């Protein structure tokens, strides 16, 4: 069982990494328009937390959403097609990079408005409690969203009404490009939970087993006691905020230090040390084939028909 968990976590993180690397390549070839926010470096947070959820739990996130979508079981083909604006995409080519969506898997979208997803996730969790279900909602946000009003509104209501929601701050240190010490008075972002109050935890976002353990406790609390939790996962993105960001606000030494303990690299070394190198190589080949297939599928898929431009809109 331990080997099965190890290989599953490794495969899921590697899938995200290779998906994002290919997305970056396609962007430089001008095959992807608009913004592109990559999840490279943060894979252990999405995979670790989502790996302990039930299929009926809700998941929401901000606009850096590809990793969460894939960790939730989203299709590489549909994700890549969405990036290219194709009809076969997970949002039929109408959402693009920032708005992946898969209602069947209860992945309720990447949200482009900073912090806007927080009270919506609290609402989903409230609905599950109201219906008497034991499902929970999990919502992700970056460190740049913790000073947004909707963040505080969501936490305040969750604590007041005892809502089964887990709020996860993916603290990648720089928000869009401003060092954390210039936007927060404390390095401990989970301390914000004390104001409401609710349970809180800070975890090493590069340690996938620590992430899983922290999330397991938070999910249990939400499911059994209908109590929210605020988790801060300290992590790091290896690239800029988006593809247009050269990330000159940090040093290469800092990036290298985080890369030296990369969660995918750590699990690969663990597999090798346990005599699983052949299996690891096979997984790497299978993931590579899957991602290349997704790229071909996306490039060969049709764009939405012009006459459908007004479909799926309210007015």
Protein backbone atom coordinates (compact mmCIF):
# COMPACT_ATOMS: atom_id res chain seq x y z
CA UNK A 1 0.00 0.00 0.00
CA UNK A 2 2.84 2.40 0.86
CA UNK A 3 4.40 1.77 -2.55
CA UNK A 4 1.05 2.36 -4.25
CA UNK A 5 0.66 5.73 -2.52
CA UNK A 6 4.23 6.70 -3.35
CA UNK A 7 3.89 5.90 -7.05
CA UNK A 8 0.48 7.58 -7.26
CA UNK A 9 1.77 10.81 -5.72
CA UNK A 10 4.87 10.76 -7.93
CA UNK A 11 2.85 10.21 -11.12
CA UNK A 12 0.35 12.97 -10.28
CA UNK A 13 3.05 15.54 -9.52
CA UNK A 14 5.05 14.60 -12.60
CA UNK A 15 1.91 14.89 -14.77
CA UNK A 16 1.43 18.47 -13.59
CA UNK A 17 5.11 19.34 -14.08
CA UNK A 18 5.25 18.03 -17.65
CA UNK A 19 1.87 19.56 -18.50
CA UNK A 20 3.08 22.97 -17.36
CA UNK A 21 6.42 22.67 -19.13
CA UNK A 22 4.67 21.88 -22.40
CA UNK A 23 2.22 24.72 -21.81
CA UNK A 24 5.17 27.10 -21.45
CA UNK A 25 6.60 25.84 -24.74
CA UNK A 26 3.29 26.28 -26.56
CA UNK A 27 2.98 29.79 -25.13
CA UNK A 28 6.38 30.80 -26.51
CA UNK A 29 5.21 29.44 -29.89
CA UNK A 30 2.22 31.81 -29.62
CA UNK A 31 -0.26 28.94 -29.62
CA UNK A 32 -1.70 30.08 -26.27
CA UNK A 33 -3.13 33.56 -25.94
CA UNK A 34 -3.69 35.75 -22.91
CA UNK A 35 -2.09 35.03 -19.55
CA UNK A 36 -0.44 31.79 -18.47
CA UNK A 37 0.27 31.21 -14.77
CA UNK A 38 2.31 28.05 -14.22
CA UNK A 39 2.23 25.81 -11.15
CA UNK A 40 5.79 24.50 -11.50
CA UNK A 41 7.30 23.98 -8.03
CA UNK A 42 4.03 23.93 -6.11
CA UNK A 43 2.83 20.46 -7.18
CA UNK A 44 3.07 18.87 -3.73
CA UNK A 45 0.42 21.21 -2.34
CA UNK A 46 -2.38 20.38 -4.80
CA UNK A 47 -1.52 16.69 -5.08
CA UNK A 48 -0.96 16.20 -1.36
CA UNK A 49 -4.16 17.90 -0.24
CA UNK A 50 -6.48 16.56 -2.95
CA UNK A 51 -5.15 13.02 -2.51
CA UNK A 52 -7.00 12.69 0.83
CA UNK A 53 -10.35 14.08 -0.34
CA UNK A 54 -13.49 12.22 -1.33
CA UNK A 55 -14.72 12.39 -4.92
CA UNK A 56 -17.80 14.28 -3.71
CA UNK A 57 -15.86 17.07 -1.98
CA UNK A 58 -15.68 20.45 -3.71
CA UNK A 59 -12.42 22.01 -4.89
CA UNK A 60 -11.93 25.64 -5.97
CA UNK A 61 -8.87 27.74 -6.65
CA UNK A 62 -7.58 30.97 -8.17
CA UNK A 63 -6.25 31.50 -11.67
CA UNK A 64 -3.11 29.34 -11.19
CA UNK A 65 -5.44 26.41 -11.64
CA UNK A 66 -3.94 23.78 -13.98
CA UNK A 67 -2.28 21.82 -11.16
CA UNK A 68 -5.41 21.58 -9.05
CA UNK A 69 -7.48 20.54 -12.06
CA UNK A 70 -5.08 17.72 -12.92
CA UNK A 71 -4.67 16.66 -9.28
CA UNK A 72 -8.46 16.39 -9.07
CA UNK A 73 -8.41 13.93 -11.96
CA UNK A 74 -8.97 16.32 -14.84
CA UNK A 75 -8.04 15.15 -18.33
CA UNK A 76 -4.66 16.19 -19.74
CA UNK A 77 -6.27 16.29 -23.17
CA UNK A 78 -9.14 18.53 -22.10
CA UNK A 79 -6.79 20.77 -20.11
CA UNK A 80 -4.35 21.25 -22.98
CA UNK A 81 -7.20 21.85 -25.41
CA UNK A 82 -8.59 24.52 -23.10
CA UNK A 83 -5.24 26.32 -23.10
CA UNK A 84 -5.38 26.44 -26.89
CA UNK A 85 -8.98 27.68 -26.86
CA UNK A 86 -10.39 24.55 -28.48
CA UNK A 87 -13.96 23.21 -28.40
CA UNK A 88 -12.70 19.98 -26.77
CA UNK A 89 -11.34 21.89 -23.76
CA UNK A 90 -12.62 21.41 -20.23
CA UNK A 91 -14.52 24.73 -20.54
CA UNK A 92 -15.14 24.27 -24.28
CA UNK A 93 -12.36 26.72 -25.10
CA UNK A 94 -14.17 29.62 -23.44
CA UNK A 95 -12.28 29.78 -20.16
CA UNK A 96 -8.66 29.49 -21.13
CA UNK A 97 -5.75 29.16 -18.74
CA UNK A 98 -7.34 30.91 -15.77
CA UNK A 99 -10.73 29.18 -15.84
CA UNK A 100 -10.36 25.41 -15.94
CA UNK A 101 -13.58 23.72 -14.81
CA UNK A 102 -14.82 20.16 -14.27
CA UNK A 103 -18.19 20.03 -12.52
CA UNK A 104 -18.35 16.23 -12.85
CA UNK A 105 -15.35 15.97 -10.54
CA UNK A 106 -16.63 18.84 -8.39
CA UNK A 107 -13.71 21.02 -9.47
CA UNK A 108 -15.61 24.30 -9.46
CA UNK A 109 -13.12 26.33 -11.36
CA UNK A 110 -10.13 28.55 -11.45
CA UNK A 111 -11.23 32.08 -10.57
CA UNK A 112 -9.65 35.17 -12.11
CA UNK A 113 -10.69 37.67 -9.43
CA UNK A 114 -8.11 37.58 -6.64
CA UNK A 115 -9.74 36.10 -3.53
CA UNK A 116 -13.15 35.92 -5.19
CA UNK A 117 -13.25 32.14 -4.86
CA UNK A 118 -13.05 32.17 -1.05
CA UNK A 119 -16.64 33.11 -0.08
CA UNK A 120 -18.02 31.03 -2.97
CA UNK A 121 -16.26 27.94 -1.60
CA UNK A 122 -17.63 28.74 1.85
CA UNK A 123 -21.08 28.84 0.25
CA UNK A 124 -20.60 25.43 -1.33
CA UNK A 125 -19.54 24.00 2.03
CA UNK A 126 -22.52 25.64 3.74
CA UNK A 127 -24.86 24.05 1.20
CA UNK A 128 -23.45 20.59 1.90
CA UNK A 129 -23.93 21.09 5.66
CA UNK A 130 -27.45 22.42 5.09
CA UNK A 131 -28.35 19.30 3.08
CA UNK A 132 -26.94 17.04 5.78
CA UNK A 133 -24.10 15.71 3.64
CA UNK A 134 -20.62 15.00 5.00
CA UNK A 135 -18.87 16.55 2.01
CA UNK A 136 -16.49 19.48 2.48
CA UNK A 137 -15.12 22.28 0.32
CA UNK A 138 -11.44 23.08 -0.13
CA UNK A 139 -10.32 26.40 -1.56
CA UNK A 140 -6.82 27.52 -2.55
CA UNK A 141 -5.46 31.06 -2.72
CA UNK A 142 -2.07 32.69 -2.98
CA UNK A 143 -0.33 34.78 -0.36
CA UNK A 144 -1.26 37.83 -2.44
CA UNK A 145 -4.96 37.27 -1.68
CA UNK A 146 -4.82 37.38 2.12
CA UNK A 147 -5.39 41.15 2.27
CA UNK A 148 -8.43 41.04 0.00
CA UNK A 149 -11.79 41.70 1.66
CA UNK A 150 -13.44 38.53 0.34
CA UNK A 151 -10.77 36.42 2.08
CA UNK A 152 -11.80 37.84 5.47
CA UNK A 153 -15.51 37.65 4.63
CA UNK A 154 -15.20 33.95 3.77
CA UNK A 155 -13.29 33.08 6.93
CA UNK A 156 -15.55 35.16 9.16
CA UNK A 157 -18.70 33.40 7.90
CA UNK A 158 -17.07 29.97 8.02
CA UNK A 159 -16.18 30.40 11.69
CA UNK A 160 -19.49 32.02 12.66
CA UNK A 161 -21.69 29.44 10.95
CA UNK A 162 -19.38 26.45 11.53
CA UNK A 163 -18.90 25.70 7.85
CA UNK A 164 -16.95 22.57 6.73
CA UNK A 165 -14.46 24.44 4.58
CA UNK A 166 -10.65 24.21 4.42
CA UNK A 167 -8.85 27.36 3.28
CA UNK A 168 -5.34 26.78 1.91
CA UNK A 169 -2.89 29.63 1.43
CA UNK A 170 -0.21 28.61 -1.07
CA UNK A 171 2.49 30.94 0.17
CA UNK A 172 4.98 31.09 -2.69
CA UNK A 173 6.69 34.08 -1.05
CA UNK A 174 6.15 36.73 -3.75
CA UNK A 175 2.46 37.02 -4.73
CA UNK A 176 2.73 38.74 -8.14
CA UNK A 177 6.24 39.96 -7.48
CA UNK A 178 6.37 41.66 -4.10
CA UNK A 179 8.35 39.98 -1.29
CA UNK A 180 6.13 38.81 1.55
CA UNK A 181 7.85 40.99 4.16
CA UNK A 182 6.54 44.06 2.32
CA UNK A 183 2.90 42.92 2.47
CA UNK A 184 2.53 40.99 5.74
CA UNK A 185 3.63 41.91 9.28
CA UNK A 186 4.27 38.27 10.17
CA UNK A 187 5.93 35.41 8.32
CA UNK A 188 3.24 33.17 9.81
CA UNK A 189 0.22 33.71 7.56
CA UNK A 190 -1.88 31.13 9.38
CA UNK A 191 -2.02 33.57 12.29
CA UNK A 192 -4.91 35.26 10.48
CA UNK A 193 -7.12 32.39 11.63
CA UNK A 194 -6.94 33.66 15.23
CA UNK A 195 -9.17 36.63 14.43
CA UNK A 196 -12.27 34.55 13.66
CA UNK A 197 -11.27 32.10 15.31
CA UNK A 198 -10.60 28.74 13.67
CA UNK A 199 -8.00 25.98 13.65
CA UNK A 200 -4.79 26.79 11.81
CA UNK A 201 -1.65 25.04 10.64
CA UNK A 202 1.53 25.91 8.76
CA UNK A 203 3.12 23.14 6.71
CA UNK A 204 6.15 22.67 4.48
CA UNK A 205 4.56 22.70 1.02
CA UNK A 206 7.52 20.81 -0.44
CA UNK A 207 6.95 17.84 1.90
CA UNK A 208 4.04 15.99 0.33
CA UNK A 209 3.61 13.61 3.27
CA UNK A 210 3.42 16.52 5.73
CA UNK A 211 0.89 18.17 3.43
CA UNK A 212 -1.22 14.99 3.36
CA UNK A 213 -1.16 14.64 7.15
CA UNK A 214 -2.13 18.28 7.68
CA UNK A 215 -4.95 18.04 5.17
CA UNK A 216 -6.20 14.76 6.63
CA UNK A 217 -6.62 16.39 10.05
CA UNK A 218 -8.35 19.44 8.58
CA UNK A 219 -10.72 17.34 6.47
CA UNK A 220 -11.59 15.17 9.48
CA UNK A 221 -12.35 18.28 11.54
CA UNK A 222 -14.56 19.68 8.78
CA UNK A 223 -16.37 16.41 8.15
CA UNK A 224 -17.00 15.38 11.74
CA UNK A 225 -17.32 18.72 13.53
CA UNK A 226 -18.30 21.11 10.73
CA UNK A 227 -15.38 23.33 11.65
CA UNK A 228 -13.16 25.26 9.21
CA UNK A 229 -9.35 25.28 9.10
CA UNK A 230 -6.84 27.73 7.65
CA UNK A 231 -3.69 26.04 6.32
CA UNK A 232 -0.60 27.89 5.17
CA UNK A 233 1.57 25.79 2.85
CA UNK A 234 4.98 27.36 2.41
CA UNK A 235 5.95 26.66 -1.19
CA UNK A 236 7.78 28.22 -4.11
CA UNK A 237 7.13 28.71 -7.80
CA UNK A 238 10.22 28.25 -9.93
CA UNK A 239 9.03 30.62 -12.65
CA UNK A 240 7.60 34.12 -12.58
CA UNK A 241 4.05 35.05 -11.68
CA UNK A 242 3.06 34.54 -15.30
CA UNK A 243 4.92 33.90 -18.54
CA UNK A 244 5.39 37.65 -18.97
CA UNK A 245 7.23 37.95 -15.63
CA UNK A 246 11.06 37.67 -15.77
CA UNK A 247 11.11 37.32 -11.93
CA UNK A 248 14.08 39.67 -11.43
CA UNK A 249 12.93 40.35 -7.86
CA UNK A 250 14.63 37.18 -6.53
CA UNK A 251 18.05 35.55 -6.76
CA UNK A 252 19.05 32.43 -8.64
CA UNK A 253 20.53 31.12 -5.41
CA UNK A 254 17.10 31.28 -3.82
CA UNK A 255 15.51 29.39 -6.71
CA UNK A 256 18.29 26.78 -6.65
CA UNK A 257 17.87 26.25 -2.90
CA UNK A 258 14.19 25.42 -3.34
CA UNK A 259 14.87 23.27 -6.40
CA UNK A 260 17.38 21.21 -4.41
CA UNK A 261 14.49 19.82 -2.36
CA UNK A 262 12.01 19.59 -5.21
CA UNK A 263 9.16 17.23 -4.15
CA UNK A 264 9.23 15.30 -7.44
CA UNK A 265 12.98 14.83 -7.21
CA UNK A 266 12.68 13.71 -3.58
CA UNK A 267 10.06 11.07 -4.40
CA UNK A 268 12.08 9.87 -7.40
CA UNK A 269 15.11 9.36 -5.15
CA UNK A 270 12.92 7.57 -2.60
CA UNK A 271 11.60 5.19 -5.25
CA UNK A 272 15.11 4.43 -6.47
CA UNK A 273 16.33 3.77 -2.93
CA UNK A 274 13.47 1.28 -2.44
CA UNK A 275 14.33 -0.69 -5.56
CA UNK A 276 11.58 0.93 -7.65
CA UNK A 277 13.74 2.61 -10.29
CA UNK A 278 12.40 0.50 -13.14
CA UNK A 279 8.84 1.37 -12.12
CA UNK A 280 9.76 5.05 -11.86
CA UNK A 281 11.18 5.07 -15.38
CA UNK A 282 8.07 3.36 -16.69
CA UNK A 283 5.86 5.98 -15.02
CA UNK A 284 7.98 8.76 -16.51
CA UNK A 285 7.60 7.27 -19.99
CA UNK A 286 3.84 6.84 -19.56
CA UNK A 287 3.41 10.43 -18.37
CA UNK A 288 5.51 11.70 -21.27
CA UNK A 289 3.37 9.78 -23.75
CA UNK A 290 0.21 11.11 -22.10
CA UNK A 291 1.35 14.74 -22.29
CA UNK A 292 2.55 14.48 -25.89
CA UNK A 293 -0.79 12.88 -26.78
CA UNK A 294 -2.57 15.78 -25.06
CA UNK A 295 -0.59 18.30 -27.10
CA UNK A 296 -1.42 16.53 -30.36
CA UNK A 297 -5.07 16.26 -29.36
CA UNK A 298 -5.23 19.97 -28.53
CA UNK A 299 -3.52 21.09 -31.71
CA UNK A 300 -5.73 18.88 -33.90
CA UNK A 301 -8.99 19.84 -32.16
CA UNK A 302 -11.29 22.46 -33.74
CA UNK A 303 -11.89 25.94 -32.43
CA UNK A 304 -15.47 26.66 -31.31
CA UNK A 305 -17.74 27.46 -34.26
CA UNK A 306 -18.21 31.25 -34.68
CA UNK A 307 -22.00 30.90 -34.51
CA UNK A 308 -21.69 29.53 -30.95
CA UNK A 309 -19.97 32.68 -29.65
CA UNK A 310 -23.01 33.67 -27.57
CA UNK A 311 -23.61 30.23 -26.09
CA UNK A 312 -23.19 29.76 -22.32
CA UNK A 313 -23.66 33.47 -21.51
CA UNK A 314 -26.32 34.93 -19.22
CA UNK A 315 -27.36 37.89 -21.38
